[in-house]
PDB file of N, CA and C in Angstrom:
ATOM      1  N   UNK A   1      34.565   0.267  49.614  1.00  0.00           N
ATOM      2  CA  UNK A   1      35.419   1.502  49.752  1.00  0.00           C
ATOM      3  C   UNK A   1      35.573   2.266  49.179  1.00  0.00           C
ATOM      4  N   UNK A   2      35.827   1.937  47.945  1.00  0.00           N
ATOM      5  CA  UNK A   2      36.241   2.470  46.888  1.00  0.00           C
ATOM      6  C   UNK A   2      34.376   3.819  46.127  1.00  0.00           C
ATOM      7  N   UNK A   3      33.979   2.484  46.095  1.00  0.00           N
ATOM      8  CA  UNK A   3      32.942   3.268  45.866  1.00  0.00           C
ATOM      9  C   UNK A   3      32.325   5.106  47.011  1.00  0.00           C
ATOM     10  N   UNK A   4      32.565   4.550  47.914  1.00  0.00           N
ATOM     11  CA  UNK A   4      32.154   5.645  48.956  1.00  0.00           C
ATOM     12  C   UNK A   4      32.389   6.724  48.547  1.00  0.00           C
ATOM     13  N   UNK A   5      34.416   6.509  48.207  1.00  0.00           N
ATOM     14  CA  UNK A   5      35.209   7.457  48.642  1.00  0.00           C
ATOM     15  C   UNK A   5      35.096   8.291  47.169  1.00  0.00           C
ATOM     16  N   UNK A   6      34.543   7.804  46.063  1.00  0.00           N
ATOM     17  CA  UNK A   6      34.462   8.400  44.573  1.00  0.00           C
ATOM     18  C   UNK A   6      33.091   9.128  45.061  1.00  0.00           C
ATOM     19  N   UNK A   7      32.244   8.519  46.082  1.00  0.00           N
ATOM     20  CA  UNK A   7      30.919   9.684  45.912  1.00  0.00           C
ATOM     21  C   UNK A   7      31.396  10.663  46.884  1.00  0.00           C
ATOM     22  N   UNK A   8      31.948  10.913  47.659  1.00  0.00           N
ATOM     23  CA  UNK A   8      32.402  11.306  48.468  1.00  0.00           C
ATOM     24  C   UNK A   8      32.835  12.731  47.841  1.00  0.00           C
ATOM     25  N   UNK A   9      33.777  12.414  46.954  1.00  0.00           N
ATOM     26  CA  UNK A   9      35.150  13.072  45.756  1.00  0.00           C
ATOM     27  C   UNK A   9      33.965  13.692  44.612  1.00  0.00           C
ATOM     28  N   UNK A  10      32.779  13.122  44.346  1.00  0.00           N
ATOM     29  CA  UNK A  10      32.102  13.707  43.258  1.00  0.00           C
ATOM     30  C   UNK A  10      30.919  14.568  44.184  1.00  0.00           C
ATOM     31  N   UNK A  11      30.941  14.549  45.442  1.00  0.00           N
ATOM     32  CA  UNK A  11      30.181  15.682  46.035  1.00  0.00           C
ATOM     33  C   UNK A  11      30.671  17.131  46.709  1.00  0.00           C
ATOM     34  N   UNK A  12      32.376  16.590  46.904  1.00  0.00           N
ATOM     35  CA  UNK A  12      33.300  17.781  47.074  1.00  0.00           C
ATOM     36  C   UNK A  12      33.510  18.324  45.827  1.00  0.00           C
ATOM     37  N   UNK A  13      33.756  17.779  44.534  1.00  0.00           N
ATOM     38  CA  UNK A  13      34.003  18.228  42.981  1.00  0.00           C
ATOM     39  C   UNK A  13      32.712  19.660  43.146  1.00  0.00           C
ATOM     40  N   UNK A  14      31.583  18.506  42.971  1.00  0.00           N
ATOM     41  CA  UNK A  14      30.182  19.560  42.917  1.00  0.00           C
ATOM     42  C   UNK A  14      30.072  21.120  43.732  1.00  0.00           C
ATOM     43  N   UNK A  15      30.244  20.823  45.338  1.00  0.00           N
ATOM     44  CA  UNK A  15      30.778  21.815  46.243  1.00  0.00           C
ATOM     45  C   UNK A  15      31.820  23.198  45.344  1.00  0.00           C
ATOM     46  N   UNK A  16      32.364  22.605  45.078  1.00  0.00           N
ATOM     47  CA  UNK A  16      33.614  23.400  44.780  1.00  0.00           C
ATOM     48  C   UNK A  16      32.915  23.965  43.299  1.00  0.00           C
ATOM     49  N   UNK A  17      32.445  23.387  42.807  1.00  0.00           N
ATOM     50  CA  UNK A  17      32.223  24.260  41.132  1.00  0.00           C
ATOM     51  C   UNK A  17      30.909  25.209  41.481  1.00  0.00           C
ATOM     52  N   UNK A  18      30.476  25.065  42.529  1.00  0.00           N
ATOM     53  CA  UNK A  18      29.160  25.245  43.064  1.00  0.00           C
ATOM     54  C   UNK A  18      29.726  26.603  43.668  1.00  0.00           C
ATOM     55  N   UNK A  19      30.631  26.725  44.333  1.00  0.00           N
ATOM     56  CA  UNK A  19      30.968  27.528  45.122  1.00  0.00           C
ATOM     57  C   UNK A  19      31.875  28.597  44.399  1.00  0.00           C
ATOM     58  N   UNK A  20      32.468  28.496  42.925  1.00  0.00           N
ATOM     59  CA  UNK A  20      33.600  28.692  41.917  1.00  0.00           C
ATOM     60  C   UNK A  20      32.123  29.662  41.347  1.00  0.00           C
ATOM     61  N   UNK A  21      31.033  29.144  41.011  1.00  0.00           N
ATOM     62  CA  UNK A  21      30.013  29.744  39.910  1.00  0.00           C
ATOM     63  C   UNK A  21      29.794  30.931  40.703  1.00  0.00           C
ATOM     64  N   UNK A  22      29.313  30.931  42.248  1.00  0.00           N
ATOM     65  CA  UNK A  22      28.741  31.707  43.186  1.00  0.00           C
ATOM     66  C   UNK A  22      29.910  32.734  42.849  1.00  0.00           C
ATOM     67  N   UNK A  23      30.655  32.646  43.123  1.00  0.00           N
ATOM     68  CA  UNK A  23      31.905  33.479  43.367  1.00  0.00           C
ATOM     69  C   UNK A  23      32.379  34.209  42.298  1.00  0.00           C
ATOM     70  N   UNK A  24      32.471  33.637  41.164  1.00  0.00           N
ATOM     71  CA  UNK A  24      32.544  34.487  39.826  1.00  0.00           C
ATOM     72  C   UNK A  24      31.212  35.580  39.185  1.00  0.00           C
ATOM     73  N   UNK A  25      29.858  34.926  39.534  1.00  0.00           N
ATOM     74  CA  UNK A  25      29.033  35.936  39.692  1.00  0.00           C
ATOM     75  C   UNK A  25      29.177  36.761  40.559  1.00  0.00           C
ATOM     76  N   UNK A  26      28.993  36.571  41.860  1.00  0.00           N
ATOM     77  CA  UNK A  26      29.450  37.979  42.504  1.00  0.00           C
ATOM     78  C   UNK A  26      30.854  38.731  42.354  1.00  0.00           C
ATOM     79  N   UNK A  27      31.656  38.580  42.100  1.00  0.00           N
ATOM     80  CA  UNK A  27      32.536  39.235  41.004  1.00  0.00           C
ATOM     81  C   UNK A  27      32.332  39.997  39.984  1.00  0.00           C
ATOM     82  N   UNK A  28      31.892  39.239  39.018  1.00  0.00           N
ATOM     83  CA  UNK A  28      31.062  40.184  37.895  1.00  0.00           C
ATOM     84  C   UNK A  28      29.995  41.199  38.103  1.00  0.00           C
ATOM     85  N   UNK A  29      28.596  41.327  39.273  1.00  0.00           N
ATOM     86  CA  UNK A  29      27.958  41.663  39.578  1.00  0.00           C
ATOM     87  C   UNK A  29      28.925  43.327  40.581  1.00  0.00           C
ATOM     88  N   UNK A  30      29.554  42.823  40.996  1.00  0.00           N
ATOM     89  CA  UNK A  30      30.461  43.861  42.045  1.00  0.00           C
ATOM     90  C   UNK A  30      30.781  44.822  41.123  1.00  0.00           C
ATOM     91  N   UNK A  31      31.579  44.225  39.845  1.00  0.00           N
ATOM     92  CA  UNK A  31      32.391  45.067  39.154  1.00  0.00           C
ATOM     93  C   UNK A  31      31.764  45.796  38.182  1.00  0.00           C
ATOM     94  N   UNK A  32      30.303  45.454  38.028  1.00  0.00           N
ATOM     95  CA  UNK A  32      29.505  46.033  36.805  1.00  0.00           C
ATOM     96  C   UNK A  32      28.667  47.227  37.018  1.00  0.00           C
ATOM     97  N   UNK A  33      28.748  47.194  38.819  1.00  0.00           N
ATOM     98  CA  UNK A  33      28.026  48.436  39.191  1.00  0.00           C
ATOM     99  C   UNK A  33      28.995  49.595  39.711  1.00  0.00           C
ATOM    100  N   UNK A  34      28.325  50.902  38.820  1.00  0.00           N
ATOM    101  CA  UNK A  34      29.012  51.938  38.981  1.00  0.00           C
ATOM    102  C   UNK A  34      29.371  52.386  39.882  1.00  0.00           C
ATOM    103  N   UNK A  35      29.909  53.145  40.643  1.00  0.00           N
ATOM    104  CA  UNK A  35      30.078  53.741  41.765  1.00  0.00           C
ATOM    105  C   UNK A  35      29.031  55.441  41.901  1.00  0.00           C
ATOM    106  N   UNK A  36      28.270  55.786  42.407  1.00  0.00           N
ATOM    107  CA  UNK A  36      27.736  56.956  41.968  1.00  0.00           C
ATOM    108  C   UNK A  36      28.591  58.132  41.945  1.00  0.00           C
ATOM    109  N   UNK A  37      27.977  59.028  40.934  1.00  0.00           N
ATOM    110  CA  UNK A  37      28.707  60.151  40.571  1.00  0.00           C
ATOM    111  C   UNK A  37      29.186  61.400  41.519  1.00  0.00           C
ATOM    112  N   UNK A  38      30.222  61.832  41.518  1.00  0.00           N
ATOM    113  CA  UNK A  38      30.826  63.060  42.764  1.00  0.00           C
ATOM    114  C   UNK A  38      29.935  64.350  41.745  1.00  0.00           C
ATOM    115  N   UNK A  39      29.896  64.240  40.861  1.00  0.00           N
ATOM    116  CA  UNK A  39      29.397  65.189  39.792  1.00  0.00           C
ATOM    117  C   UNK A  39      28.446  65.626  38.754  1.00  0.00           C
ATOM    118  N   UNK A  40      27.255  66.364  39.336  1.00  0.00           N
ATOM    119  CA  UNK A  40      25.934  65.871  38.680  1.00  0.00           C
ATOM    120  C   UNK A  40      25.178  67.436  38.117  1.00  0.00           C
ATOM    121  N   UNK A  41      24.914  67.123  37.044  1.00  0.00           N
ATOM    122  CA  UNK A  41      24.576  68.328  36.243  1.00  0.00           C
ATOM    123  C   UNK A  41      23.359  68.402  35.873  1.00  0.00           C
ATOM    124  N   UNK A  42      22.889  70.010  36.490  1.00  0.00           N
ATOM    125  CA  UNK A  42      20.786  70.363  36.530  1.00  0.00           C
ATOM    126  C   UNK A  42      20.598  71.123  35.524  1.00  0.00           C
ATOM    127  N   UNK A  43      19.626  71.027  35.784  1.00  0.00           N
ATOM    128  CA  UNK A  43      18.786  72.189  34.297  1.00  0.00           C
ATOM    129  C   UNK A  43      17.343  72.116  34.613  1.00  0.00           C
ATOM    130  N   UNK A  44      16.870  73.267  34.764  1.00  0.00           N
ATOM    131  CA  UNK A  44      15.552  73.870  35.111  1.00  0.00           C
ATOM    132  C   UNK A  44      15.138  74.108  34.084  1.00  0.00           C
ATOM    133  N   UNK A  45      14.342  73.423  33.324  1.00  0.00           N
ATOM    134  CA  UNK A  45      13.464  74.055  32.009  1.00  0.00           C
ATOM    135  C   UNK A  45      12.698  75.037  32.115  1.00  0.00           C
ATOM    136  N   UNK A  46      12.289  75.608  33.076  1.00  0.00           N
ATOM    137  CA  UNK A  46      11.489  77.244  32.798  1.00  0.00           C
ATOM    138  C   UNK A  46      12.479  78.158  32.782  1.00  0.00           C
ATOM    139  N   UNK A  47      13.308  78.027  33.447  1.00  0.00           N
ATOM    140  CA  UNK A  47      14.049  79.057  33.532  1.00  0.00           C
ATOM    141  C   UNK A  47      15.060  79.141  33.109  1.00  0.00           C
ATOM    142  N   UNK A  48      15.761  77.961  32.161  1.00  0.00           N
ATOM    143  CA  UNK A  48      17.043  77.624  31.508  1.00  0.00           C
ATOM    144  C   UNK A  48      17.935  77.920  32.017  1.00  0.00           C
ATOM    145  N   UNK A  49      18.318  77.519  33.405  1.00  0.00           N
ATOM    146  CA  UNK A  49      19.171  77.667  34.532  1.00  0.00           C
ATOM    147  C   UNK A  49      20.102  76.218  34.317  1.00  0.00           C
ATOM    148  N   UNK A  50      21.110  76.486  34.371  1.00  0.00           N
ATOM    149  CA  UNK A  50      22.359  75.135  35.063  1.00  0.00           C
ATOM    150  C   UNK A  50      22.577  75.506  35.652  1.00  0.00           C
ATOM    151  N   UNK A  51      22.846  74.166  36.302  1.00  0.00           N
ATOM    152  CA  UNK A  51      23.630  74.100  37.882  1.00  0.00           C
ATOM    153  C   UNK A  51      24.203  72.924  37.830  1.00  0.00           C
ATOM    154  N   UNK A  52      25.633  73.075  38.783  1.00  0.00           N
ATOM    155  CA  UNK A  52      26.292  71.307  38.850  1.00  0.00           C
ATOM    156  C   UNK A  52      26.564  71.488  40.566  1.00  0.00           C
ATOM    157  N   UNK A  53      26.340  69.744  40.525  1.00  0.00           N
ATOM    158  CA  UNK A  53      26.271  69.835  41.901  1.00  0.00           C
ATOM    159  C   UNK A  53      27.564  68.974  42.215  1.00  0.00           C
ATOM    160  N   UNK A  54      28.431  69.235  42.422  1.00  0.00           N
ATOM    161  CA  UNK A  54      29.502  68.605  42.691  1.00  0.00           C
ATOM    162  C   UNK A  54      30.865  68.180  44.091  1.00  0.00           C
ATOM    163  N   UNK A  55      31.752  67.687  44.095  1.00  0.00           N
ATOM    164  CA  UNK A  55      32.523  67.511  45.453  1.00  0.00           C
ATOM    165  C   UNK A  55      33.386  66.562  45.347  1.00  0.00           C
ATOM    166  N   UNK A  56      34.530  67.324  45.576  1.00  0.00           N
ATOM    167  CA  UNK A  56      35.840  67.027  45.476  1.00  0.00           C
ATOM    168  C   UNK A  56      36.753  66.832  46.792  1.00  0.00           C
ATOM    169  N   UNK A  57      38.049  66.092  46.460  1.00  0.00           N
ATOM    170  CA  UNK A  57      38.360  65.364  47.780  1.00  0.00           C
ATOM    171  C   UNK A  57      39.860  66.537  47.020  1.00  0.00           C
ATOM    172  N   UNK A  58      40.582  66.659  48.385  1.00  0.00           N
ATOM    173  CA  UNK A  58      41.615  67.367  47.937  1.00  0.00           C
ATOM    174  C   UNK A  58      42.646  66.317  46.784  1.00  0.00           C
ATOM    175  N   UNK A  59      42.809  64.736  47.560  1.00  0.00           N
ATOM    176  CA  UNK A  59      43.023  63.738  47.234  1.00  0.00           C
ATOM    177  C   UNK A  59      43.055  63.143  45.400  1.00  0.00           C
ATOM    178  N   UNK A  60      41.871  63.804  45.143  1.00  0.00           N
ATOM    179  CA  UNK A  60      41.598  63.488  44.165  1.00  0.00           C
ATOM    180  C   UNK A  60      40.515  62.132  43.612  1.00  0.00           C
ATOM    181  N   UNK A  61      40.647  61.598  44.964  1.00  0.00           N
ATOM    182  CA  UNK A  61      39.973  60.029  44.686  1.00  0.00           C
ATOM    183  C   UNK A  61      38.904  59.643  44.681  1.00  0.00           C
ATOM    184  N   UNK A  62      37.925  58.809  44.501  1.00  0.00           N
ATOM    185  CA  UNK A  62      36.243  58.867  44.861  1.00  0.00           C
ATOM    186  C   UNK A  62      36.135  58.660  46.622  1.00  0.00           C
ATOM    187  N   UNK A  63      35.164  59.045  46.862  1.00  0.00           N
ATOM    188  CA  UNK A  63      34.880  58.652  48.449  1.00  0.00           C
ATOM    189  C   UNK A  63      33.531  58.778  48.327  1.00  0.00           C
ATOM    190  N   UNK A  64      33.028  57.577  48.732  1.00  0.00           N
ATOM    191  CA  UNK A  64      30.918  57.316  48.802  1.00  0.00           C
ATOM    192  C   UNK A  64      30.531  58.656  49.482  1.00  0.00           C
ATOM    193  N   UNK A  65      31.121  59.435  50.421  1.00  0.00           N
ATOM    194  CA  UNK A  65      30.831  60.153  51.433  1.00  0.00           C
ATOM    195  C   UNK A  65      31.059  61.678  50.299  1.00  0.00           C
ATOM    196  N   UNK A  66      31.942  61.941  49.847  1.00  0.00           N
ATOM    197  CA  UNK A  66      31.155  63.176  48.584  1.00  0.00           C
ATOM    198  C   UNK A  66      30.304  62.606  47.529  1.00  0.00           C
ATOM    199  N   UNK A  67      30.384  61.477  47.122  1.00  0.00           N
ATOM    200  CA  UNK A  67      29.142  61.351  46.202  1.00  0.00           C
ATOM    201  C   UNK A  67      27.738  61.225  46.982  1.00  0.00           C
ATOM    202  N   UNK A  68      27.525  60.894  47.996  1.00  0.00           N
ATOM    203  CA  UNK A  68      26.096  61.156  48.369  1.00  0.00           C
ATOM    204  C   UNK A  68      25.991  62.604  48.720  1.00  0.00           C
ATOM    205  N   UNK A  69      27.190  63.618  48.500  1.00  0.00           N
ATOM    206  CA  UNK A  69      26.870  65.244  48.733  1.00  0.00           C
ATOM    207  C   UNK A  69      26.352  65.640  48.350  1.00  0.00           C
ATOM    208  N   UNK A  70      27.161  65.254  46.947  1.00  0.00           N
ATOM    209  CA  UNK A  70      26.373  65.436  45.789  1.00  0.00           C
ATOM    210  C   UNK A  70      25.238  65.138  45.120  1.00  0.00           C
ATOM    211  N   UNK A  71      24.766  64.118  45.633  1.00  0.00           N
ATOM    212  CA  UNK A  71      23.191  63.654  45.155  1.00  0.00           C
ATOM    213  C   UNK A  71      22.536  63.825  46.441  1.00  0.00           C
ATOM    214  N   UNK A  72      22.945  64.916  47.825  1.00  0.00           N
ATOM    215  CA  UNK A  72      22.112  65.472  48.095  1.00  0.00           C
ATOM    216  C   UNK A  72      21.544  66.771  47.375  1.00  0.00           C
ATOM    217  N   UNK A  73      22.559  67.597  46.875  1.00  0.00           N
ATOM    218  CA  UNK A  73      22.483  68.589  46.217  1.00  0.00           C
ATOM    219  C   UNK A  73      21.755  68.569  45.267  1.00  0.00           C
ATOM    220  N   UNK A  74      21.550  67.485  44.488  1.00  0.00           N
ATOM    221  CA  UNK A  74      20.658  67.164  43.353  1.00  0.00           C
ATOM    222  C   UNK A  74      19.514  67.254  43.809  1.00  0.00           C
ATOM    223  N   UNK A  75      19.162  66.161  45.044  1.00  0.00           N
ATOM    224  CA  UNK A  75      18.168  65.750  44.907  1.00  0.00           C
ATOM    225  C   UNK A  75      16.879  67.444  45.494  1.00  0.00           C
ATOM    226  N   UNK A  76      17.818  68.141  46.543  1.00  0.00           N
ATOM    227  CA  UNK A  76      17.356  69.360  46.695  1.00  0.00           C
ATOM    228  C   UNK A  76      16.856  70.126  45.733  1.00  0.00           C
ATOM    229  N   UNK A  77      18.203  70.255  44.156  1.00  0.00           N
ATOM    230  CA  UNK A  77      17.563  71.421  43.508  1.00  0.00           C
ATOM    231  C   UNK A  77      16.419  70.268  42.589  1.00  0.00           C
ATOM    232  N   UNK A  78      16.272  69.331  43.053  1.00  0.00           N
ATOM    233  CA  UNK A  78      14.984  68.640  42.100  1.00  0.00           C
ATOM    234  C   UNK A  78      13.402  68.414  42.497  1.00  0.00           C
ATOM    235  N   UNK A  79      13.522  69.366  43.683  1.00  0.00           N
ATOM    236  CA  UNK A  79      12.733  70.057  44.488  1.00  0.00           C
ATOM    237  C   UNK A  79      12.052  70.703  44.493  1.00  0.00           C
ATOM    238  N   UNK A  80      13.286  71.598  43.259  1.00  0.00           N
ATOM    239  CA  UNK A  80      13.127  73.080  42.913  1.00  0.00           C
ATOM    240  C   UNK A  80      12.568  73.170  41.641  1.00  0.00           C
ATOM    241  N   UNK A  81      12.316  72.035  41.004  1.00  0.00           N
ATOM    242  CA  UNK A  81      12.126  71.854  39.874  1.00  0.00           C
ATOM    243  C   UNK A  81      13.274  71.632  38.381  1.00  0.00           C
ATOM    244  N   UNK A  82      14.544  71.368  39.336  1.00  0.00           N
ATOM    245  CA  UNK A  82      15.583  71.043  38.396  1.00  0.00           C
ATOM    246  C   UNK A  82      15.282  69.826  37.952  1.00  0.00           C
ATOM    247  N   UNK A  83      16.175  69.341  36.563  1.00  0.00           N
ATOM    248  CA  UNK A  83      15.849  67.955  35.888  1.00  0.00           C
ATOM    249  C   UNK A  83      17.924  67.962  36.088  1.00  0.00           C
ATOM    250  N   UNK A  84      17.645  66.224  35.945  1.00  0.00           N
ATOM    251  CA  UNK A  84      19.482  65.735  35.903  1.00  0.00           C
ATOM    252  C   UNK A  84      19.569  66.028  33.992  1.00  0.00           C
ATOM    253  N   UNK A  85      20.869  67.000  34.176  1.00  0.00           N
ATOM    254  CA  UNK A  85      21.143  66.325  32.389  1.00  0.00           C
ATOM    255  C   UNK A  85      21.605  64.790  32.191  1.00  0.00           C
ATOM    256  N   UNK A  86      21.176  64.494  31.253  1.00  0.00           N
ATOM    257  CA  UNK A  86      22.075  63.409  30.496  1.00  0.00           C
ATOM    258  C   UNK A  86      23.437  63.682  30.563  1.00  0.00           C
TER     259      UNK A  86
END
């Protein structure tokens, strides 16, 4: 009987350890990914023109919708020969 309880506790500990490792990995992955920029500088190598694709909210907070708008602007300019500045 004592052997069965020990085996069961070892199994529970192993499951908790594995769950902890997976949770830690997911947390680190989420923290390390940066949100898309809400401002992208563009440069046309032929005309030497620079443009900014930017989106801002009145509250100043990050918004995925605004980041997508800036990205869409940048993609449209890339079609016209612009490149992203680093």
